[in-house]
Protein backbone atom coordinates (compact mmCIF):
# COMPACT_ATOMS: atom_id res chain seq x y z
CA MET A 1 108.44 109.23 97.25
CA THR A 2 107.50 105.84 98.60
CA SER A 3 104.80 104.47 100.79
CA HIS A 4 104.99 102.13 103.74
CA ALA A 5 101.83 100.37 102.57
CA GLU A 6 102.02 96.77 101.43
CA GLU A 7 101.27 97.80 97.85
CA ASP A 8 104.48 99.70 97.21
CA LYS A 9 104.12 99.42 93.45
CA VAL A 10 103.56 102.27 91.06
CA PHE A 11 100.37 101.74 89.06
CA THR A 12 98.34 103.68 86.56
CA ALA A 13 95.65 105.82 88.16
CA ALA A 14 92.04 104.89 87.44
CA GLU A 15 89.36 107.47 86.72
CA PHE A 16 88.06 109.00 89.97
CA ASP A 17 84.53 107.63 89.38
CA VAL A 18 83.02 110.02 91.93
CA LYS A 19 79.58 111.37 91.01
CA ASP A 20 78.97 114.27 93.43
CA TRP A 21 81.34 117.24 93.46
CA VAL A 22 81.60 120.80 94.66
CA ASP A 23 84.11 123.36 93.45
CA ALA A 24 86.59 125.32 95.56
CA ASN A 25 83.75 127.56 96.76
CA GLY A 26 81.37 124.75 97.79
CA ASN A 27 79.09 125.05 94.76
CA LYS A 28 77.85 121.90 93.03
CA THR A 29 79.82 121.26 89.86
CA ASP A 30 80.22 118.74 87.09
CA GLN A 31 82.02 115.52 87.72
CA VAL A 32 85.74 116.08 88.31
CA LYS A 33 87.86 113.73 86.24
CA LEU A 34 91.47 112.68 86.39
CA SER A 35 91.84 113.96 82.80
CA ASP A 36 90.88 117.48 84.00
CA TYR A 37 94.37 117.64 85.48
CA LYS A 38 96.41 116.19 82.61
CA GLY A 39 100.11 116.99 83.02
CA LYS A 40 99.67 118.10 86.66
CA PHE A 41 100.79 116.36 89.84
CA LYS A 42 97.64 115.39 91.76
CA VAL A 43 97.26 115.05 95.53
CA VAL A 44 94.05 113.28 96.49
CA PHE A 45 93.01 113.26 100.14
CA CYS A 46 90.43 110.67 101.27
CA PHE A 47 88.44 111.27 104.44
CA GLN A 48 85.18 110.66 106.25
CA SER A 49 83.52 113.48 108.17
CA TRP A 50 83.21 111.34 111.32
CA CYS A 51 86.85 110.11 111.24
CA PRO A 52 88.78 111.39 114.29
CA GLY A 53 92.16 110.87 112.60
CA CYS A 54 90.97 112.86 109.59
CA HIS A 55 90.29 115.87 111.82
CA SER A 56 93.29 115.54 114.14
CA VAL A 57 95.95 114.76 111.49
CA GLY A 58 94.73 114.33 107.92
CA LEU A 59 92.83 117.54 107.27
CA PRO A 60 95.39 119.76 109.07
CA SER A 61 98.11 118.07 106.96
CA LEU A 62 96.13 118.74 103.80
CA GLN A 63 95.59 122.37 104.90
CA LYS A 64 99.31 122.80 105.44
CA MET A 65 100.15 121.34 102.02
CA VAL A 66 97.52 123.42 100.18
CA GLU A 67 98.77 126.59 101.87
CA ALA A 68 102.44 125.80 101.16
CA LEU A 69 101.73 125.09 97.48
CA LYS A 70 99.42 128.07 96.91
CA GLY A 71 100.22 129.58 93.52
CA ASN A 72 102.03 126.46 92.26
CA ASP A 73 100.18 125.56 89.06
CA ASN A 74 102.00 122.22 88.72
CA VAL A 75 100.29 120.62 91.73
CA VAL A 76 96.54 120.28 92.26
CA PHE A 77 94.62 119.10 95.30
CA VAL A 78 91.33 117.22 95.50
CA ALA A 79 89.51 115.88 98.59
CA ILE A 80 87.11 112.96 98.42
CA GLN A 81 84.84 111.75 101.21
CA THR A 82 85.29 108.01 100.61
CA VAL A 83 82.37 106.52 102.51
CA PHE A 84 82.73 102.88 103.48
CA GLU A 85 80.75 102.91 106.72
CA GLY A 86 78.40 105.29 108.51
CA HIS A 87 76.54 106.31 105.38
CA GLN A 88 73.92 108.12 107.49
CA GLU A 89 76.63 110.28 109.09
CA ASN A 90 79.14 110.74 106.25
CA THR A 91 76.75 112.68 104.02
CA PHE A 92 77.15 115.21 101.24
CA ALA A 93 76.14 117.95 103.72
CA LYS A 94 78.85 116.83 106.19
CA MET A 95 81.40 116.92 103.35
CA LEU A 96 80.43 120.55 102.69
CA GLU A 97 80.77 121.36 106.39
CA THR A 98 84.27 119.85 106.38
CA GLN A 99 85.33 121.92 103.34
CA LYS A 100 84.10 125.12 105.06
CA LYS A 101 85.51 124.28 108.49
CA TYR A 102 89.04 123.84 107.12
CA GLU A 103 88.66 126.69 104.59
CA LEU A 104 89.97 124.42 101.84
CA LYS A 105 89.49 126.13 98.46
CA ILE A 106 89.82 122.89 96.47
CA PRO A 107 87.28 120.58 94.82
CA PHE A 108 85.57 118.13 97.17
CA GLY A 109 83.87 114.92 96.09
CA HIS A 110 81.37 112.73 97.92
CA ASP A 111 81.71 109.04 97.06
CA ALA A 112 79.36 106.63 98.80
CA GLY A 113 79.54 104.02 96.03
CA ASP A 114 77.13 103.62 93.14
CA ASP A 115 74.26 102.50 95.35
CA ARG A 116 74.96 105.10 98.08
CA GLN A 117 75.32 102.39 100.70
CA SER A 118 78.35 100.29 99.83
CA ARG A 119 82.07 100.97 99.62
CA SER A 120 83.31 104.07 97.81
CA ASN A 121 84.23 103.62 94.13
CA PHE A 122 87.51 105.50 94.67
CA MET A 123 88.44 103.17 97.53
CA GLN A 124 87.80 100.13 95.36
CA ASN A 125 89.63 101.49 92.31
CA TYR A 126 92.65 102.71 94.28
CA GLN A 127 92.65 99.98 96.98
CA THR A 128 92.85 102.53 99.77
CA GLY A 129 92.87 101.20 103.30
CA GLY A 130 90.52 103.62 105.00
CA THR A 131 90.77 107.23 106.14
CA PRO A 132 92.66 109.49 106.34
CA TRP A 133 94.48 108.43 103.18
CA PHE A 134 96.69 110.34 100.75
CA VAL A 135 97.15 109.36 97.10
CA PHE A 136 99.79 111.10 94.98
CA ILE A 137 99.40 110.80 91.22
CA ASP A 138 102.26 112.05 89.06
CA GLN A 139 102.05 114.04 85.83
CA ASN A 140 101.88 110.80 83.80
CA ASP A 141 98.90 109.53 85.86
CA ASN A 142 100.90 106.98 87.83
CA VAL A 143 100.08 106.48 91.50
CA VAL A 144 103.42 107.06 93.24
CA PHE A 145 102.24 107.19 96.85
CA ALA A 146 99.22 105.82 98.70
CA ASP A 147 99.15 105.54 102.49
CA PHE A 148 97.70 106.60 105.85
CA HIS A 149 101.02 107.94 107.05
CA ILE A 150 102.60 111.01 105.54
CA ASN A 151 105.46 113.21 106.62
CA VAL A 152 103.77 116.46 105.65
CA ASP A 153 106.94 118.60 105.73
CA ALA A 154 108.85 116.14 103.52
CA ALA A 155 105.85 115.91 101.18
CA ILE A 156 105.76 119.71 100.87
CA GLN A 157 109.44 119.80 99.94
CA VAL A 158 108.94 117.14 97.26
CA LEU A 159 105.81 118.86 95.92
CA LYS A 160 107.58 122.24 95.77
CA SER A 161 110.27 120.69 93.56
CA ILE A 162 107.77 119.48 90.93
CA GLU A 163 107.98 121.31 87.62
């Protein structure tokens, strides 16, 4: 699986470094860590609640993938609201609304940076280019895909083949 982004290199995934999390049911939970999913293939979806492309393409794509991979214990999904602008609009409460609206039973993180008003830690650590953005991290914690654009049907086929 390759990306069309400039940074087409595989690199080791950094810790998520996201402080505020809810579980699959929208309840506050401890910090979710990359190491929580050791040996699993991780799909991380980055969004902002006010992002039109996140609602028209990104979140429906994520929904489709989560549904298609239901019951597959080798692949895990995480969504992170990576706030880099509009801090007053892209709030923890809006993140919860997004999780409920799309009925996504996966952990959601809210990352507005350490000072709650700068660029998201995840964005800085993973050099993402905005939202919507997908990051695929293999079982050995290597980032193997990171981009805006994803062919969701092809991604599902690849994810289904992961053992």
